[in-house]
């Protein structure tokens, strides 16, 4: 893989998208940064990170997605790649908070942002951004956040993590056609708080109880409501209260 290391950048995703629009970088080109001044999460949420402490990376993925109905497939692959890598490092109690927050116990370790671009020739190029809390210790004013170092009381090598995660991504992408059903099952089995009653909040700021049942083929969260109906929700249409 080609690795581009930056000291500071506004956004590794924006850098890689710009590079891809000007050149033809090889598949799985990776950009990392020690500091990101305008990091972002799902739906424009801000991602903040202590300088030099955490893993900030973006990966170019080509020749996988064929149409916009498959977007969530890549989400599954990336989420599971991070989870499997961390499991091999003995990080405990890992789960995926829909759609793609990486959790240990009930604390957020990281998040994924995938941005897809339709090229003029009809191909889809994806930029996969990952922010992972690695060696940061202080999470003042972020009660739901934690890091590998806090969870395991040890320091981790960020450069090794980059290689391990990208290799896991490549492996799963190659296996997708034969094992997509298995990957979907693995994703569901790793869902944070699945199958248990829990409170949610909707766009109208109304609280309600529900039970996570699964995820639709296009990535909507399926929630069993108190009237025994199942509703599907887009990102940001629903908030888990935990």
Protein backbone atom coordinates (compact mmCIF):
# COMPACT_ATOMS: atom_id res chain seq x y z
CA UNK A 1 0.00 0.00 0.00
CA UNK A 2 1.11 3.59 -0.58
CA UNK A 3 1.30 5.54 2.68
CA UNK A 4 1.28 9.35 2.84
CA UNK A 5 2.18 10.70 6.28
CA UNK A 6 1.27 14.28 7.14
CA UNK A 7 2.07 16.31 10.25
CA UNK A 8 -1.09 18.39 10.08
CA UNK A 9 -4.00 18.74 7.67
CA UNK A 10 -7.51 20.12 7.75
CA UNK A 11 -8.97 16.67 6.93
CA UNK A 12 -7.34 13.47 5.69
CA UNK A 13 -10.57 12.63 3.85
CA UNK A 14 -10.54 15.98 2.03
CA UNK A 15 -6.84 15.57 1.18
CA UNK A 16 -7.40 12.11 -0.28
CA UNK A 17 -10.53 13.16 -2.19
CA UNK A 18 -8.59 16.06 -3.71
CA UNK A 19 -5.68 13.78 -4.62
CA UNK A 20 -8.06 11.30 -6.23
CA UNK A 21 -9.68 14.05 -8.34
CA UNK A 22 -6.29 15.19 -9.69
CA UNK A 23 -4.49 11.88 -10.10
CA UNK A 24 -5.13 8.14 -10.21
CA UNK A 25 -3.73 6.99 -6.86
CA UNK A 26 -3.43 3.24 -6.38
CA UNK A 27 -6.12 1.31 -4.59
CA UNK A 28 -5.74 1.35 -0.78
CA UNK A 29 -3.63 4.50 -0.78
CA UNK A 30 -3.51 5.64 2.86
CA UNK A 31 -3.18 9.14 4.31
CA UNK A 32 -2.39 9.63 8.00
CA UNK A 33 -1.97 12.79 10.06
CA UNK A 34 -0.70 13.63 13.52
CA UNK A 35 -3.13 16.52 13.74
CA UNK A 36 -6.40 17.18 11.92
CA UNK A 37 -7.84 20.68 12.24
CA UNK A 38 -11.23 20.06 10.62
CA UNK A 39 -11.94 16.41 11.27
CA UNK A 40 -15.55 15.40 10.80
CA UNK A 41 -17.86 12.53 11.58
CA UNK A 42 -21.27 11.44 10.35
CA UNK A 43 -23.56 14.23 9.09
CA UNK A 44 -20.99 16.96 9.74
CA UNK A 45 -20.29 16.17 13.40
CA UNK A 46 -16.87 17.43 14.55
CA UNK A 47 -14.12 14.93 15.40
CA UNK A 48 -11.50 16.21 17.88
CA UNK A 49 -8.23 14.50 18.75
CA UNK A 50 -5.15 15.26 20.87
CA UNK A 51 -2.16 15.98 18.62
CA UNK A 52 -0.01 12.89 18.00
CA UNK A 53 -1.98 10.63 20.32
CA UNK A 54 -4.56 9.01 18.09
CA UNK A 55 -4.92 7.31 14.74
CA UNK A 56 -6.23 9.64 12.05
CA UNK A 57 -6.32 7.97 8.65
CA UNK A 58 -8.11 7.81 5.32
CA UNK A 59 -8.01 4.95 2.82
CA UNK A 60 -8.90 4.99 -0.87
CA UNK A 61 -11.10 2.06 -1.94
CA UNK A 62 -11.77 1.50 -5.64
CA UNK A 63 -13.50 -1.22 -7.67
CA UNK A 64 -15.78 -2.43 -4.87
CA UNK A 65 -19.04 -0.51 -4.89
CA UNK A 66 -21.08 -0.80 -8.09
CA UNK A 67 -24.15 1.27 -7.19
CA UNK A 68 -25.54 3.43 -4.40
CA UNK A 69 -27.66 0.58 -3.01
CA UNK A 70 -24.43 -1.16 -1.98
CA UNK A 71 -22.98 1.71 0.07
CA UNK A 72 -23.66 0.02 3.41
CA UNK A 73 -21.72 -3.09 2.35
CA UNK A 74 -18.49 -1.12 2.59
CA UNK A 75 -19.57 0.22 5.96
CA UNK A 76 -19.86 -3.37 7.19
CA UNK A 77 -16.45 -4.35 5.85
CA UNK A 78 -14.67 -1.37 7.41
CA UNK A 79 -16.41 -1.68 10.79
CA UNK A 80 -15.61 -5.39 11.02
CA UNK A 81 -12.02 -4.83 9.87
CA UNK A 82 -11.43 -2.44 12.76
CA UNK A 83 -13.23 -4.70 15.23
CA UNK A 84 -11.28 -7.81 14.17
CA UNK A 85 -7.97 -5.95 14.33
CA UNK A 86 -8.70 -4.74 17.85
CA UNK A 87 -9.88 -8.19 18.93
CA UNK A 88 -6.51 -9.60 17.86
CA UNK A 89 -4.91 -6.99 20.13
CA UNK A 90 -7.10 -8.23 23.01
CA UNK A 91 -9.21 -5.09 23.33
CA UNK A 92 -12.19 -6.25 25.44
CA UNK A 93 -15.96 -6.03 24.97
CA UNK A 94 -15.96 -4.61 21.44
CA UNK A 95 -19.12 -3.68 19.59
CA UNK A 96 -20.38 -1.45 16.76
CA UNK A 97 -22.78 1.33 17.67
CA UNK A 98 -24.87 1.73 14.53
CA UNK A 99 -23.86 2.66 11.97
CA UNK A 100 -20.12 2.58 12.58
CA UNK A 101 -18.91 3.82 15.97
CA UNK A 102 -16.37 1.48 17.54
CA UNK A 103 -17.17 0.76 21.18
CA UNK A 104 -15.47 -0.98 24.10
CA UNK A 105 -17.89 -1.65 26.93
CA UNK A 106 -20.11 1.47 26.66
CA UNK A 107 -17.32 3.86 25.64
CA UNK A 108 -16.61 5.14 22.14
CA UNK A 109 -13.12 4.35 20.84
CA UNK A 110 -13.54 5.66 17.33
CA UNK A 111 -15.71 6.44 14.36
CA UNK A 112 -15.77 5.88 10.62
CA UNK A 113 -16.81 8.25 7.85
CA UNK A 114 -17.12 6.88 4.31
CA UNK A 115 -17.51 9.38 1.45
CA UNK A 116 -18.32 8.08 -2.03
CA UNK A 117 -17.69 9.85 -5.33
CA UNK A 118 -19.26 8.89 -8.66
CA UNK A 119 -16.67 9.29 -11.41
CA UNK A 120 -17.49 10.39 -14.97
CA UNK A 121 -16.99 6.81 -16.21
CA UNK A 122 -19.65 5.56 -13.77
CA UNK A 123 -17.26 3.99 -11.26
CA UNK A 124 -17.54 4.73 -7.54
CA UNK A 125 -14.47 5.71 -5.55
CA UNK A 126 -14.70 5.62 -1.75
CA UNK A 127 -12.63 7.49 0.80
CA UNK A 128 -12.77 5.75 4.17
CA UNK A 129 -11.93 7.95 7.12
CA UNK A 130 -11.14 6.43 10.51
CA UNK A 131 -10.52 8.22 13.77
CA UNK A 132 -9.43 5.88 16.55
CA UNK A 133 -8.54 6.96 20.09
CA UNK A 134 -5.26 5.17 20.75
CA UNK A 135 -2.95 6.79 23.32
CA UNK A 136 -5.01 9.75 24.49
CA UNK A 137 -5.69 9.63 28.23
CA UNK A 138 -7.72 12.75 29.00
CA UNK A 139 -11.30 12.96 27.72
CA UNK A 140 -12.53 15.96 29.68
CA UNK A 141 -16.09 16.91 28.75
CA UNK A 142 -16.41 13.70 26.69
CA UNK A 143 -17.96 11.26 29.18
CA UNK A 144 -18.74 8.60 26.56
CA UNK A 145 -15.23 8.52 25.03
CA UNK A 146 -12.24 6.34 25.83
CA UNK A 147 -9.09 4.97 24.16
CA UNK A 148 -7.10 1.77 23.76
CA UNK A 149 -4.59 3.10 26.29
CA UNK A 150 -7.25 3.80 28.92
CA UNK A 151 -9.05 0.50 28.38
CA UNK A 152 -5.87 -1.62 28.44
CA UNK A 153 -3.53 0.54 30.54
CA UNK A 154 -0.86 0.31 27.82
CA UNK A 155 0.51 2.29 24.88
CA UNK A 156 -0.04 1.15 21.30
CA UNK A 157 1.94 1.61 18.07
CA UNK A 158 -0.18 3.68 15.68
CA UNK A 159 1.90 2.79 12.61
CA UNK A 160 1.36 -0.91 13.22
CA UNK A 161 -2.36 -0.32 13.65
CA UNK A 162 -2.57 1.34 10.21
CA UNK A 163 -0.99 -1.67 8.52
CA UNK A 164 -3.08 -4.21 10.42
CA UNK A 165 -6.38 -2.44 9.69
CA UNK A 166 -5.71 -1.94 5.97
CA UNK A 167 -4.61 -5.56 5.55
CA UNK A 168 -7.83 -6.68 7.24
CA UNK A 169 -9.83 -4.42 4.88
CA UNK A 170 -8.15 -5.94 1.83
CA UNK A 171 -8.81 -9.45 3.12
CA UNK A 172 -12.51 -8.84 3.72
CA UNK A 173 -13.06 -7.07 0.40
CA UNK A 174 -11.57 -10.07 -1.41
CA UNK A 175 -13.84 -12.43 0.53
CA UNK A 176 -17.00 -10.33 0.22
CA UNK A 177 -18.60 -12.08 -2.78
CA UNK A 178 -18.39 -15.50 -1.13
CA UNK A 179 -19.00 -14.43 2.45
CA UNK A 180 -21.29 -11.38 2.35
CA UNK A 181 -24.03 -13.19 4.31
CA UNK A 182 -21.51 -14.16 6.99
CA UNK A 183 -20.24 -10.58 7.22
CA UNK A 184 -23.79 -9.25 7.60
CA UNK A 185 -24.37 -11.76 10.41
CA UNK A 186 -21.10 -10.76 12.09
CA UNK A 187 -22.05 -7.09 11.87
CA UNK A 188 -25.46 -7.76 13.41
CA UNK A 189 -23.93 -9.88 16.18
CA UNK A 190 -21.56 -7.02 17.03
CA UNK A 191 -24.29 -4.34 17.22
CA UNK A 192 -24.16 -2.33 20.42
CA UNK A 193 -27.21 -2.91 22.65
CA UNK A 194 -29.02 -5.13 20.14
CA UNK A 195 -31.98 -7.11 21.42
CA UNK A 196 -32.40 -5.24 24.71
CA UNK A 197 -34.98 -2.55 25.59
CA UNK A 198 -33.39 0.89 25.60
CA UNK A 199 -34.43 4.54 25.33
CA UNK A 200 -34.14 6.52 22.08
CA UNK A 201 -34.83 10.10 21.04
CA UNK A 202 -36.29 11.12 17.66
CA UNK A 203 -35.97 14.29 15.59
CA UNK A 204 -38.85 15.88 17.51
CA UNK A 205 -36.90 15.43 20.77
CA UNK A 206 -39.42 12.83 21.91
CA UNK A 207 -38.09 9.93 23.98
CA UNK A 208 -39.35 6.41 23.38
CA UNK A 209 -38.42 2.82 24.18
CA UNK A 210 -37.37 0.34 21.54
CA UNK A 211 -35.34 -2.79 20.83
CA UNK A 212 -32.75 -2.92 18.03
CA UNK A 213 -33.74 -5.73 15.66
CA UNK A 214 -31.19 -5.32 12.90
CA UNK A 215 -30.17 -3.22 9.92
CA UNK A 216 -31.87 -3.03 6.52
CA UNK A 217 -29.98 -3.81 3.28
CA UNK A 218 -29.43 -0.08 2.72
CA UNK A 219 -28.27 0.54 6.27
CA UNK A 220 -31.33 1.79 8.14
CA UNK A 221 -31.62 0.84 11.82
CA UNK A 222 -34.59 -1.44 12.49
CA UNK A 223 -36.20 -0.86 15.88
CA UNK A 224 -39.07 -2.79 17.48
CA UNK A 225 -41.42 -0.26 19.11
CA UNK A 226 -43.76 -0.67 22.07
CA UNK A 227 -46.76 -1.25 19.79
CA UNK A 228 -44.92 -4.27 18.28
CA UNK A 229 -44.31 -2.49 14.97
CA UNK A 230 -40.81 -2.22 13.48
CA UNK A 231 -39.65 1.16 12.21
CA UNK A 232 -36.56 1.95 10.16
CA UNK A 233 -34.43 5.02 10.84
CA UNK A 234 -31.77 6.89 8.86
CA UNK A 235 -28.60 8.25 10.44
CA UNK A 236 -29.42 11.23 12.68
CA UNK A 237 -33.16 10.41 12.68
CA UNK A 238 -32.66 8.59 15.97
CA UNK A 239 -30.37 8.92 18.96
CA UNK A 240 -29.55 6.15 21.41
CA UNK A 241 -29.71 7.27 25.04
CA UNK A 242 -27.24 5.16 26.99
